Amino acid sequence: MIANVTRMKSFVILGFPGLSQQYYGPVSALLFFFYLAIAIGNIFILAFVICEKSLQKPMYLVFCHLALNDLTFGTVTLPKIISKYWFGESLISFHGCFTQMFFVHYLGSVQSFILLVMALDRFIAICIPLRYPVLITNNIISVLCGFAWFIPLPLMIAVVLHVLTLPFCKANVIAQCYCDHISITSQACGEDVNIVAVISLVIAMFCLLLPLAFISFSYISIIVVILKMSNAAGRKKTLSTCTPQIFITCLFYLPRCFVYVANTVGFAFSLDIRILLILLYSLYPAAVNPIIYCFKTQDIKQTLIKKLKKTRVGIEIKLAF
């Protein structure tokens, strides 16, 4: 079995199999600018919150953890597929592919738990506001986010080590833009493949559905509390404090649920469409989240406007002299 594993030295990243070679350049450029958007947007959020003391509050610390997660995910997944279409480098080493698989699933699980922390923050702020200053502090949020990063770590290491025990005797083609669990295990053979698949599915359900259950409960409770408010202005103001969180959560979960339900009911996608959908729901939130932070969060939006006005006034004064 070990001989079979070590015999496969590398994998081939397939990308979009139906894509004509004449479009390789435009696609690689598009993916590169997509990565730039992810990198610039999330680095900006991290730097802005770190440098602006007025934004160093629990909710924005959670945004920082999400931004770091999004930035890391884009950095792990996009450079390889960009190099495939830009330089024709389709090969990824055996252990490099497993490393990428680990980070893909680990970071996805971390994001799920960070979204849980985000929902907990809003649940306490709106449903039991008098207890919020005591229950939710910067230190407590930092500890909770630390758990969000730590809990999936041993689980994902176990998944990777379990897959490494499989013999690989099929083609070494990864029918995806990056290495993930399904694409790698599809190249394996032997009786243990189904056992590995079931164990991995259980871990995935724990990391995704357990947080989703609490997130759903939190936002349903929040909506009920908001609807019970008699003051229309109060309802609008309270809803605005959790609108960014709801948008971010929907961007993460809804596309995944759509693809899963579509596969369950027998709605078949072509390979290119399936790969595109997975790429979009994995990376689109990472590019869009910083925009949501800036335009849907009043504190960040107002602080950013003040900074821009001060900069504009400073430039006008310099030009006047």
C-alpha atoms as a PDB file:
ATOM      1  CA  MET A   1       0.000   0.000   0.000  1.00  0.00           C
ATOM      2  CA  ILE A   2       2.808   2.432   0.863  1.00  0.00           C
ATOM      3  CA  ALA A   3       4.445   1.689  -2.489  1.00  0.00           C
ATOM      4  CA  ASN A   4       1.243   2.619  -4.292  1.00  0.00           C
ATOM      5  CA  VAL A   5       1.039   5.897  -2.370  1.00  0.00           C
ATOM      6  CA  THR A   6       4.617   6.967  -3.010  1.00  0.00           C
ATOM      7  CA  ARG A   7       4.505   5.944  -6.693  1.00  0.00           C
ATOM      8  CA  MET A   8       2.274   8.904  -7.527  1.00  0.00           C
ATOM      9  CA  LYS A   9       4.688  11.836  -7.404  1.00  0.00           C
ATOM     10  CA  SER A  10       2.320  14.606  -8.462  1.00  0.00           C
ATOM     11  CA  PHE A  11      -1.198  15.548  -9.517  1.00  0.00           C
ATOM     12  CA  VAL A  12      -2.426  17.501 -12.523  1.00  0.00           C
ATOM     13  CA  ILE A  13      -4.782  20.425 -11.833  1.00  0.00           C
ATOM     14  CA  LEU A  14      -7.443  20.160 -14.547  1.00  0.00           C
ATOM     15  CA  GLY A  15      -9.084  23.552 -14.030  1.00  0.00           C
ATOM     16  CA  PHE A  16     -11.866  24.108 -16.571  1.00  0.00           C
ATOM     17  CA  PRO A  17     -11.633  21.173 -19.026  1.00  0.00           C
ATOM     18  CA  GLY A  18     -13.905  22.794 -21.634  1.00  0.00           C
ATOM     19  CA  LEU A  19     -11.966  26.055 -21.776  1.00  0.00           C
ATOM     20  CA  SER A  20     -10.326  26.768 -25.130  1.00  0.00           C
ATOM     21  CA  GLN A  21      -6.609  27.565 -25.047  1.00  0.00           C
ATOM     22  CA  GLN A  22      -7.187  30.989 -26.606  1.00  0.00           C
ATOM     23  CA  TYR A  23      -8.979  32.054 -23.389  1.00  0.00           C
ATOM     24  CA  TYR A  24      -6.196  30.954 -21.037  1.00  0.00           C
ATOM     25  CA  GLY A  25      -4.686  34.465 -20.943  1.00  0.00           C
ATOM     26  CA  PRO A  26      -7.941  36.347 -20.177  1.00  0.00           C
ATOM     27  CA  VAL A  27      -8.967  33.747 -17.572  1.00  0.00           C
ATOM     28  CA  SER A  28      -5.612  33.917 -15.791  1.00  0.00           C
ATOM     29  CA  ALA A  29      -5.790  37.741 -15.827  1.00  0.00           C
ATOM     30  CA  LEU A  30      -9.339  37.622 -14.430  1.00  0.00           C
ATOM     31  CA  LEU A  31      -8.290  35.238 -11.652  1.00  0.00           C
ATOM     32  CA  PHE A  32      -5.248  37.424 -10.906  1.00  0.00           C
ATOM     33  CA  PHE A  33      -7.388  40.566 -10.514  1.00  0.00           C
ATOM     34  CA  PHE A  34      -9.813  38.518  -8.412  1.00  0.00           C
ATOM     35  CA  TYR A  35      -6.923  37.594  -6.122  1.00  0.00           C
ATOM     36  CA  LEU A  36      -5.787  41.226  -6.012  1.00  0.00           C
ATOM     37  CA  ALA A  37      -9.307  42.234  -4.926  1.00  0.00           C
ATOM     38  CA  ILE A  38      -9.232  39.620  -2.154  1.00  0.00           C
ATOM     39  CA  ALA A  39      -5.737  40.616  -0.999  1.00  0.00           C
ATOM     40  CA  ILE A  40      -6.188  44.399  -1.129  1.00  0.00           C
ATOM     41  CA  GLY A  41      -9.694  44.362   0.394  1.00  0.00           C
ATOM     42  CA  ASN A  42      -8.886  42.098   3.327  1.00  0.00           C
ATOM     43  CA  ILE A  43      -5.464  43.632   4.067  1.00  0.00           C
ATOM     44  CA  PHE A  44      -7.185  47.035   4.079  1.00  0.00           C
ATOM     45  CA  ILE A  45      -9.773  45.829   6.630  1.00  0.00           C
ATOM     46  CA  LEU A  46      -7.078  44.335   8.864  1.00  0.00           C
ATOM     47  CA  ALA A  47      -4.890  47.449   8.722  1.00  0.00           C
ATOM     48  CA  PHE A  48      -7.833  49.849   9.126  1.00  0.00           C
ATOM     49  CA  VAL A  49      -9.219  48.154  12.250  1.00  0.00           C
ATOM     50  CA  ILE A  50      -5.746  47.709  13.782  1.00  0.00           C
ATOM     51  CA  CYS A  51      -4.795  51.374  13.204  1.00  0.00           C
ATOM     52  CA  GLU A  52      -8.175  52.880  14.142  1.00  0.00           C
ATOM     53  CA  LYS A  53      -8.630  52.510  17.911  1.00  0.00           C
ATOM     54  CA  SER A  54     -12.313  53.503  17.768  1.00  0.00           C
ATOM     55  CA  LEU A  55     -12.978  50.320  15.751  1.00  0.00           C
ATOM     56  CA  GLN A  56     -11.260  47.960  18.158  1.00  0.00           C
ATOM     57  CA  LYS A  57     -14.521  46.516  19.417  1.00  0.00           C
ATOM     58  CA  PRO A  58     -15.709  42.879  19.598  1.00  0.00           C
ATOM     59  CA  MET A  59     -17.702  42.962  16.349  1.00  0.00           C
ATOM     60  CA  TYR A  60     -14.808  44.390  14.335  1.00  0.00           C
ATOM     61  CA  LEU A  61     -12.326  41.960  15.859  1.00  0.00           C
ATOM     62  CA  VAL A  62     -14.500  39.182  14.429  1.00  0.00           C
ATOM     63  CA  PHE A  63     -14.356  40.945  11.039  1.00  0.00           C
ATOM     64  CA  CYS A  64     -10.548  40.918  11.321  1.00  0.00           C
ATOM     65  CA  HIS A  65     -10.505  37.169  11.892  1.00  0.00           C
ATOM     66  CA  LEU A  66     -12.780  36.678   8.884  1.00  0.00           C
ATOM     67  CA  ALA A  67     -10.571  38.950   6.763  1.00  0.00           C
ATOM     68  CA  LEU A  68      -7.465  36.971   7.778  1.00  0.00           C
ATOM     69  CA  ASN A  69      -9.248  33.724   6.921  1.00  0.00           C
ATOM     70  CA  ASP A  70     -10.409  35.042   3.518  1.00  0.00           C
ATOM     71  CA  LEU A  71      -6.945  36.384   2.694  1.00  0.00           C
ATOM     72  CA  THR A  72      -5.304  33.056   3.574  1.00  0.00           C
ATOM     73  CA  PHE A  73      -7.858  31.028   1.601  1.00  0.00           C
ATOM     74  CA  GLY A  74      -7.324  33.118  -1.537  1.00  0.00           C
ATOM     75  CA  THR A  75      -3.540  32.849  -1.147  1.00  0.00           C
ATOM     76  CA  VAL A  76      -3.710  29.065  -0.759  1.00  0.00           C
ATOM     77  CA  THR A  77      -6.010  28.378  -3.717  1.00  0.00           C
ATOM     78  CA  LEU A  78      -5.621  30.981  -6.473  1.00  0.00           C
ATOM     79  CA  PRO A  79      -1.864  31.213  -7.278  1.00  0.00           C
ATOM     80  CA  LYS A  80      -1.690  27.614  -8.558  1.00  0.00           C
ATOM     81  CA  ILE A  81      -4.671  27.879 -10.918  1.00  0.00           C
ATOM     82  CA  ILE A  82      -3.384  31.276 -12.118  1.00  0.00           C
ATOM     83  CA  SER A  83       0.016  29.739 -12.910  1.00  0.00           C
ATOM     84  CA  LYS A  84      -1.725  26.920 -14.800  1.00  0.00           C
ATOM     85  CA  TYR A  85      -3.399  29.286 -17.248  1.00  0.00           C
ATOM     86  CA  TRP A  86      -0.642  31.906 -17.285  1.00  0.00           C
ATOM     87  CA  PHE A  87       2.477  29.718 -17.456  1.00  0.00           C
ATOM     88  CA  GLY A  88       1.049  26.281 -18.305  1.00  0.00           C
ATOM     89  CA  GLU A  89       2.124  24.813 -14.951  1.00  0.00           C
ATOM     90  CA  SER A  90      -0.555  22.227 -14.220  1.00  0.00           C
ATOM     91  CA  LEU A  91       1.475  19.941 -11.963  1.00  0.00           C
ATOM     92  CA  ILE A  92       1.313  20.088  -8.194  1.00  0.00           C
ATOM     93  CA  SER A  93       3.411  17.782  -6.030  1.00  0.00           C
ATOM     94  CA  PHE A  94       1.772  14.913  -4.149  1.00  0.00           C
ATOM     95  CA  HIS A  95       2.377  16.422  -0.722  1.00  0.00           C
ATOM     96  CA  GLY A  96       1.705  19.940  -2.046  1.00  0.00           C
ATOM     97  CA  CYS A  97      -1.750  18.789  -3.114  1.00  0.00           C
ATOM     98  CA  PHE A  98      -2.442  17.299   0.315  1.00  0.00           C
ATOM     99  CA  THR A  99      -1.222  20.486   1.971  1.00  0.00           C
ATOM    100  CA  GLN A 100      -3.586  22.525  -0.185  1.00  0.00           C
ATOM    101  CA  MET A 101      -6.450  20.138   0.618  1.00  0.00           C
ATOM    102  CA  PHE A 102      -5.770  20.559   4.331  1.00  0.00           C
ATOM    103  CA  PHE A 103      -5.895  24.362   4.160  1.00  0.00           C
ATOM    104  CA  VAL A 104      -8.981  24.407   1.909  1.00  0.00           C
ATOM    105  CA  HIS A 105     -11.049  22.379   4.364  1.00  0.00           C
ATOM    106  CA  TYR A 106      -9.430  23.757   7.501  1.00  0.00           C
ATOM    107  CA  LEU A 107     -10.046  27.394   6.524  1.00  0.00           C
ATOM    108  CA  GLY A 108     -13.602  26.599   5.429  1.00  0.00           C
ATOM    109  CA  SER A 109     -14.278  25.022   8.833  1.00  0.00           C
ATOM    110  CA  VAL A 110     -12.657  27.946  10.655  1.00  0.00           C
ATOM    111  CA  GLN A 111     -14.888  30.373   8.783  1.00  0.00           C
ATOM    112  CA  SER A 112     -17.956  28.399   9.832  1.00  0.00           C
ATOM    113  CA  PHE A 113     -16.988  28.652  13.510  1.00  0.00           C
ATOM    114  CA  ILE A 114     -16.086  32.362  13.189  1.00  0.00           C
ATOM    115  CA  LEU A 115     -19.553  32.970  11.720  1.00  0.00           C
ATOM    116  CA  LEU A 116     -20.916  31.224  14.823  1.00  0.00           C
ATOM    117  CA  VAL A 117     -18.978  33.662  17.036  1.00  0.00           C
ATOM    118  CA  MET A 118     -20.330  36.532  14.939  1.00  0.00           C
ATOM    119  CA  ALA A 119     -23.904  35.276  15.397  1.00  0.00           C
ATOM    120  CA  LEU A 120     -23.335  34.886  19.160  1.00  0.00           C
ATOM    121  CA  ASP A 121     -22.120  38.498  19.338  1.00  0.00           C
ATOM    122  CA  ARG A 122     -25.263  39.801  17.606  1.00  0.00           C
ATOM    123  CA  PHE A 123     -27.569  37.458  19.557  1.00  0.00           C
ATOM    124  CA  ILE A 124     -26.351  38.776  22.920  1.00  0.00           C
ATOM    125  CA  ALA A 125     -26.240  42.400  21.691  1.00  0.00           C
ATOM    126  CA  ILE A 126     -29.882  42.370  20.540  1.00  0.00           C
ATOM    127  CA  CYS A 127     -31.633  39.702  22.625  1.00  0.00           C
ATOM    128  CA  ILE A 128     -29.963  40.384  25.996  1.00  0.00           C
ATOM    129  CA  PRO A 129     -28.400  43.850  25.509  1.00  0.00           C
ATOM    130  CA  LEU A 130     -27.995  44.617  29.229  1.00  0.00           C
ATOM    131  CA  ARG A 131     -25.619  41.672  29.592  1.00  0.00           C
ATOM    132  CA  TYR A 132     -23.631  42.486  26.427  1.00  0.00           C
ATOM    133  CA  PRO A 133     -20.875  44.645  28.042  1.00  0.00           C
ATOM    134  CA  VAL A 134     -20.212  41.882  30.585  1.00  0.00           C
ATOM    135  CA  LEU A 135     -20.520  38.810  28.334  1.00  0.00           C
ATOM    136  CA  ILE A 136     -18.862  40.198  25.187  1.00  0.00           C
ATOM    137  CA  THR A 137     -15.510  41.933  25.569  1.00  0.00           C
ATOM    138  CA  ASN A 138     -12.470  42.125  23.304  1.00  0.00           C
ATOM    139  CA  ASN A 139     -10.719  39.453  25.391  1.00  0.00           C
ATOM    140  CA  ILE A 140     -13.686  37.080  25.311  1.00  0.00           C
ATOM    141  CA  ILE A 141     -14.120  37.516  21.546  1.00  0.00           C
ATOM    142  CA  SER A 142     -10.404  36.880  21.037  1.00  0.00           C
ATOM    143  CA  VAL A 143     -10.652  33.661  23.054  1.00  0.00           C
ATOM    144  CA  LEU A 144     -13.757  32.514  21.140  1.00  0.00           C
ATOM    145  CA  CYS A 145     -12.113  33.253  17.792  1.00  0.00           C
ATOM    146  CA  GLY A 146      -9.044  31.375  19.035  1.00  0.00           C
ATOM    147  CA  PHE A 147     -11.260  28.347  19.634  1.00  0.00           C
ATOM    148  CA  ALA A 148     -12.699  28.821  16.126  1.00  0.00           C
ATOM    149  CA  TRP A 149      -9.172  28.496  14.716  1.00  0.00           C
ATOM    150  CA  PHE A 150      -8.191  25.608  17.009  1.00  0.00           C
ATOM    151  CA  ILE A 151     -11.236  23.269  17.006  1.00  0.00           C
ATOM    152  CA  PRO A 152     -11.019  22.252  13.295  1.00  0.00           C
ATOM    153  CA  LEU A 153      -7.210  21.847  13.412  1.00  0.00           C
ATOM    154  CA  PRO A 154      -6.911  18.296  14.862  1.00  0.00           C
ATOM    155  CA  LEU A 155      -9.990  17.204  12.898  1.00  0.00           C
ATOM    156  CA  MET A 156      -8.545  18.299   9.542  1.00  0.00           C
ATOM    157  CA  ILE A 157      -5.121  16.836  10.362  1.00  0.00           C
ATOM    158  CA  ALA A 158      -6.863  13.520  11.089  1.00  0.00           C
ATOM    159  CA  VAL A 159      -8.731  13.712   7.758  1.00  0.00           C
ATOM    160  CA  VAL A 160      -5.522  14.342   5.787  1.00  0.00           C
ATOM    161  CA  LEU A 161      -3.602  11.564   7.564  1.00  0.00           C
ATOM    162  CA  HIS A 162      -6.492   9.171   6.969  1.00  0.00           C
ATOM    163  CA  VAL A 163      -6.553   9.925   3.235  1.00  0.00           C
ATOM    164  CA  LEU A 164      -2.764   9.451   3.079  1.00  0.00           C
ATOM    165  CA  THR A 165      -3.263   5.791   4.092  1.00  0.00           C
ATOM    166  CA  LEU A 166      -5.195   5.105   0.869  1.00  0.00           C
ATOM    167  CA  PRO A 167      -3.552   3.529  -2.185  1.00  0.00           C
ATOM    168  CA  PHE A 168      -3.729   5.739  -5.310  1.00  0.00           C
ATOM    169  CA  CYS A 169      -4.034   3.649  -8.444  1.00  0.00           C
ATOM    170  CA  LYS A 170      -6.185   5.779 -10.784  1.00  0.00           C
ATOM    171  CA  ALA A 171      -5.378   8.801 -12.917  1.00  0.00           C
ATOM    172  CA  ASN A 172      -3.595  11.653 -11.143  1.00  0.00           C
ATOM    173  CA  VAL A 173      -5.943  14.321 -12.530  1.00  0.00           C
ATOM    174  CA  ILE A 174      -7.627  16.717 -10.084  1.00  0.00           C
ATOM    175  CA  ALA A 175     -10.957  17.686 -11.681  1.00  0.00           C
ATOM    176  CA  GLN A 176     -11.021  20.997  -9.864  1.00  0.00           C
ATOM    177  CA  CYS A 177      -9.179  24.350  -9.675  1.00  0.00           C
ATOM    178  CA  TYR A 178      -7.498  23.273  -6.445  1.00  0.00           C
ATOM    179  CA  CYS A 179      -6.995  20.082  -4.463  1.00  0.00           C
ATOM    180  CA  ASP A 180      -9.902  19.128  -2.208  1.00  0.00           C
ATOM    181  CA  HIS A 181     -11.004  15.979  -0.443  1.00  0.00           C
ATOM    182  CA  ILE A 182     -13.405  14.697  -3.107  1.00  0.00           C
ATOM    183  CA  SER A 183     -11.028  15.263  -6.014  1.00  0.00           C
ATOM    184  CA  ILE A 184      -8.148  13.501  -4.236  1.00  0.00           C
ATOM    185  CA  THR A 185     -10.100  10.523  -2.857  1.00  0.00           C
ATOM    186  CA  SER A 186     -11.629   9.982  -6.311  1.00  0.00           C
ATOM    187  CA  GLN A 187      -8.112   8.940  -7.421  1.00  0.00           C
ATOM    188  CA  ALA A 188      -7.845   6.345  -4.633  1.00  0.00           C
ATOM    189  CA  CYS A 189      -8.870   2.717  -4.689  1.00  0.00           C
ATOM    190  CA  GLY A 190      -9.419  -0.066  -2.210  1.00  0.00           C
ATOM    191  CA  GLU A 191     -12.024  -1.031   0.356  1.00  0.00           C
ATOM    192  CA  ASP A 192     -11.088   1.768   2.772  1.00  0.00           C
ATOM    193  CA  VAL A 193     -12.166   4.576   0.404  1.00  0.00           C
ATOM    194  CA  ASN A 194     -15.798   4.413   1.527  1.00  0.00           C
ATOM    195  CA  ILE A 195     -14.782   4.364   5.217  1.00  0.00           C
ATOM    196  CA  VAL A 196     -12.606   7.452   4.705  1.00  0.00           C
ATOM    197  CA  ALA A 197     -15.446   9.166   2.836  1.00  0.00           C
ATOM    198  CA  VAL A 198     -17.977   8.482   5.619  1.00  0.00           C
ATOM    199  CA  ILE A 199     -15.639   9.656   8.402  1.00  0.00           C
ATOM    200  CA  SER A 200     -14.777  12.805   6.449  1.00  0.00           C
ATOM    201  CA  LEU A 201     -18.477  13.481   5.834  1.00  0.00           C
ATOM    202  CA  VAL A 202     -19.234  13.204   9.566  1.00  0.00           C
ATOM    203  CA  ILE A 203     -16.434  15.665  10.372  1.00  0.00           C
ATOM    204  CA  ALA A 204     -17.628  18.033   7.639  1.00  0.00           C
ATOM    205  CA  MET A 205     -21.188  17.941   8.986  1.00  0.00           C
ATOM    206  CA  PHE A 206     -19.891  18.697  12.484  1.00  0.00           C
ATOM    207  CA  CYS A 207     -17.840  21.678  11.264  1.00  0.00           C
ATOM    208  CA  LEU A 208     -20.565  23.109   9.014  1.00  0.00           C
ATOM    209  CA  LEU A 209     -23.997  22.062  10.286  1.00  0.00           C
ATOM    210  CA  LEU A 210     -23.398  22.444  14.035  1.00  0.00           C
ATOM    211  CA  PRO A 211     -22.437  26.137  13.652  1.00  0.00           C
ATOM    212  CA  LEU A 212     -25.240  26.602  11.091  1.00  0.00           C
ATOM    213  CA  ALA A 213     -27.822  25.308  13.592  1.00  0.00           C
ATOM    214  CA  PHE A 214     -26.776  27.882  16.203  1.00  0.00           C
ATOM    215  CA  ILE A 215     -26.432  30.638  13.579  1.00  0.00           C
ATOM    216  CA  SER A 216     -29.981  29.944  12.335  1.00  0.00           C
ATOM    217  CA  PHE A 217     -31.336  29.952  15.895  1.00  0.00           C
ATOM    218  CA  SER A 218     -29.531  33.241  16.654  1.00  0.00           C
ATOM    219  CA  TYR A 219     -30.746  35.181  13.638  1.00  0.00           C
ATOM    220  CA  ILE A 220     -34.302  33.826  13.905  1.00  0.00           C
ATOM    221  CA  SER A 221     -34.339  34.949  17.556  1.00  0.00           C
ATOM    222  CA  ILE A 222     -32.974  38.353  16.525  1.00  0.00           C
ATOM    223  CA  ILE A 223     -35.633  38.792  13.839  1.00  0.00           C
ATOM    224  CA  VAL A 224     -38.371  37.848  16.341  1.00  0.00           C
ATOM    225  CA  VAL A 225     -37.063  40.437  18.831  1.00  0.00           C
ATOM    226  CA  ILE A 226     -36.894  43.108  16.116  1.00  0.00           C
ATOM    227  CA  LEU A 227     -40.455  42.389  14.929  1.00  0.00           C
ATOM    228  CA  LYS A 228     -41.730  42.774  18.485  1.00  0.00           C
ATOM    229  CA  MET A 229     -40.352  46.322  18.703  1.00  0.00           C
ATOM    230  CA  SER A 230     -43.060  48.963  18.548  1.00  0.00           C
ATOM    231  CA  ASN A 231     -40.813  51.745  17.301  1.00  0.00           C
ATOM    232  CA  ALA A 232     -40.222  51.558  13.526  1.00  0.00           C
ATOM    233  CA  ALA A 233     -37.048  53.635  13.756  1.00  0.00           C
ATOM    234  CA  GLY A 234     -35.754  51.367  16.508  1.00  0.00           C
ATOM    235  CA  ARG A 235     -36.463  48.288  14.376  1.00  0.00           C
ATOM    236  CA  LYS A 236     -34.571  49.757  11.442  1.00  0.00           C
ATOM    237  CA  LYS A 237     -31.606  50.808  13.573  1.00  0.00           C
ATOM    238  CA  THR A 238     -31.390  47.442  15.332  1.00  0.00           C
ATOM    239  CA  LEU A 239     -31.669  45.514  12.069  1.00  0.00           C
ATOM    240  CA  SER A 240     -28.869  47.602  10.554  1.00  0.00           C
ATOM    241  CA  THR A 241     -26.492  46.406  13.291  1.00  0.00           C
ATOM    242  CA  CYS A 242     -26.766  42.796  12.116  1.00  0.00           C
ATOM    243  CA  THR A 243     -27.374  43.247   8.364  1.00  0.00           C
ATOM    244  CA  PRO A 244     -23.668  42.828   7.414  1.00  0.00           C
ATOM    245  CA  GLN A 245     -23.444  39.635   9.464  1.00  0.00           C
ATOM    246  CA  ILE A 246     -26.547  38.193   7.780  1.00  0.00           C
ATOM    247  CA  PHE A 247     -25.196  39.039   4.308  1.00  0.00           C
ATOM    248  CA  ILE A 248     -21.808  37.462   5.072  1.00  0.00           C
ATOM    249  CA  THR A 249     -23.411  34.313   6.515  1.00  0.00           C
ATOM    250  CA  CYS A 250     -25.742  33.938   3.517  1.00  0.00           C
ATOM    251  CA  LEU A 251     -22.834  34.327   1.085  1.00  0.00           C
ATOM    252  CA  PHE A 252     -21.039  31.473   2.829  1.00  0.00           C
ATOM    253  CA  TYR A 253     -23.889  29.004   3.373  1.00  0.00           C
ATOM    254  CA  LEU A 254     -26.569  29.529   0.685  1.00  0.00           C
ATOM    255  CA  PRO A 255     -24.466  28.635  -2.394  1.00  0.00           C
ATOM    256  CA  ARG A 256     -23.164  25.516  -0.631  1.00  0.00           C
ATOM    257  CA  CYS A 257     -26.704  24.484   0.298  1.00  0.00           C
ATOM    258  CA  PHE A 258     -27.854  25.136  -3.295  1.00  0.00           C
ATOM    259  CA  VAL A 259     -25.151  22.893  -4.804  1.00  0.00           C
ATOM    260  CA  TYR A 260     -25.827  20.167  -2.222  1.00  0.00           C
ATOM    261  CA  VAL A 261     -29.622  20.240  -2.724  1.00  0.00           C
ATOM    262  CA  ALA A 262     -29.220  20.302  -6.513  1.00  0.00           C
ATOM    263  CA  ASN A 263     -27.006  17.193  -6.382  1.00  0.00           C
ATOM    264  CA  THR A 264     -29.391  15.488  -3.948  1.00  0.00           C
ATOM    265  CA  VAL A 265     -32.486  15.969  -6.158  1.00  0.00           C
ATOM    266  CA  GLY A 266     -30.568  14.747  -9.202  1.00  0.00           C
ATOM    267  CA  PHE A 267     -29.990  18.069 -10.976  1.00  0.00           C
ATOM    268  CA  ALA A 268     -26.755  17.443 -12.859  1.00  0.00           C
ATOM    269  CA  PHE A 269     -24.268  20.188 -13.711  1.00  0.00           C
ATOM    270  CA  SER A 270     -21.666  19.883 -16.427  1.00  0.00           C
ATOM    271  CA  LEU A 271     -18.135  19.495 -15.078  1.00  0.00           C
ATOM    272  CA  ASP A 272     -17.186  23.055 -16.070  1.00  0.00           C
ATOM    273  CA  ILE A 273     -20.288  24.550 -14.406  1.00  0.00           C
ATOM    274  CA  ARG A 274     -19.741  22.516 -11.242  1.00  0.00           C
ATOM    275  CA  ILE A 275     -16.096  23.615 -11.010  1.00  0.00           C
ATOM    276  CA  LEU A 276     -17.115  27.252 -11.638  1.00  0.00           C
ATOM    277  CA  LEU A 277     -19.832  27.125  -8.956  1.00  0.00           C
ATOM    278  CA  ILE A 278     -17.434  25.676  -6.376  1.00  0.00           C
ATOM    279  CA  LEU A 279     -14.782  28.265  -7.255  1.00  0.00           C
ATOM    280  CA  LEU A 280     -17.309  31.105  -6.973  1.00  0.00           C
ATOM    281  CA  TYR A 281     -18.881  30.086  -3.673  1.00  0.00           C
ATOM    282  CA  SER A 282     -15.412  29.483  -2.214  1.00  0.00           C
ATOM    283  CA  LEU A 283     -13.796  32.753  -3.330  1.00  0.00           C
ATOM    284  CA  TYR A 284     -16.568  35.247  -4.125  1.00  0.00           C
ATOM    285  CA  PRO A 285     -17.347  35.914  -0.413  1.00  0.00           C
ATOM    286  CA  ALA A 286     -13.646  36.587   0.234  1.00  0.00           C
ATOM    287  CA  ALA A 287     -13.710  39.354  -2.402  1.00  0.00           C
ATOM    288  CA  VAL A 288     -17.101  40.794  -1.432  1.00  0.00           C
ATOM    289  CA  ASN A 289     -16.854  40.691   2.378  1.00  0.00           C
ATOM    290  CA  PRO A 290     -14.583  43.778   2.652  1.00  0.00           C
ATOM    291  CA  ILE A 291     -17.119  45.771   0.609  1.00  0.00           C
ATOM    292  CA  ILE A 292     -19.886  44.657   2.976  1.00  0.00           C
ATOM    293  CA  TYR A 293     -17.767  45.691   5.977  1.00  0.00           C
ATOM    294  CA  CYS A 294     -17.203  49.169   4.510  1.00  0.00           C
ATOM    295  CA  PHE A 295     -20.643  49.998   3.136  1.00  0.00           C
ATOM    296  CA  LYS A 296     -22.989  48.066   5.433  1.00  0.00           C
ATOM    297  CA  THR A 297     -21.284  48.765   8.773  1.00  0.00           C
ATOM    298  CA  GLN A 298     -21.970  52.303   9.996  1.00  0.00           C
ATOM    299  CA  ASP A 299     -18.880  52.694  12.221  1.00  0.00           C
ATOM    300  CA  ILE A 300     -16.445  51.631   9.500  1.00  0.00           C
ATOM    301  CA  LYS A 301     -18.301  53.625   6.853  1.00  0.00           C
ATOM    302  CA  GLN A 302     -18.398  56.829   8.926  1.00  0.00           C
ATOM    303  CA  THR A 303     -14.772  56.490  10.071  1.00  0.00           C
ATOM    304  CA  LEU A 304     -13.667  55.911   6.476  1.00  0.00           C
ATOM    305  CA  ILE A 305     -15.607  58.977   5.273  1.00  0.00           C
ATOM    306  CA  LYS A 306     -14.017  61.126   8.011  1.00  0.00           C
ATOM    307  CA  LYS A 307     -10.548  59.914   7.040  1.00  0.00           C
ATOM    308  CA  LEU A 308     -11.193  60.659   3.368  1.00  0.00           C
ATOM    309  CA  LYS A 309     -12.516  64.151   4.188  1.00  0.00           C
ATOM    310  CA  LYS A 310      -9.462  64.926   6.337  1.00  0.00           C
ATOM    311  CA  THR A 311      -7.184  63.706   3.542  1.00  0.00           C
ATOM    312  CA  ARG A 312      -9.042  65.815   0.996  1.00  0.00           C
ATOM    313  CA  VAL A 313      -8.849  68.939   3.188  1.00  0.00           C
ATOM    314  CA  GLY A 314      -5.136  68.333   3.791  1.00  0.00           C
ATOM    315  CA  ILE A 315      -4.483  68.060   0.047  1.00  0.00           C
ATOM    316  CA  GLU A 316      -6.486  71.238  -0.658  1.00  0.00           C
ATOM    317  CA  ILE A 317      -4.504  73.168   2.005  1.00  0.00           C
ATOM    318  CA  LYS A 318      -1.191  71.990   0.521  1.00  0.00           C
ATOM    319  CA  LEU A 319      -2.309  72.981  -2.981  1.00  0.00           C
ATOM    320  CA  ALA A 320      -3.426  76.400  -1.698  1.00  0.00           C
ATOM    321  CA  PHE A 321       0.109  77.080  -0.452  1.00  0.00           C
END
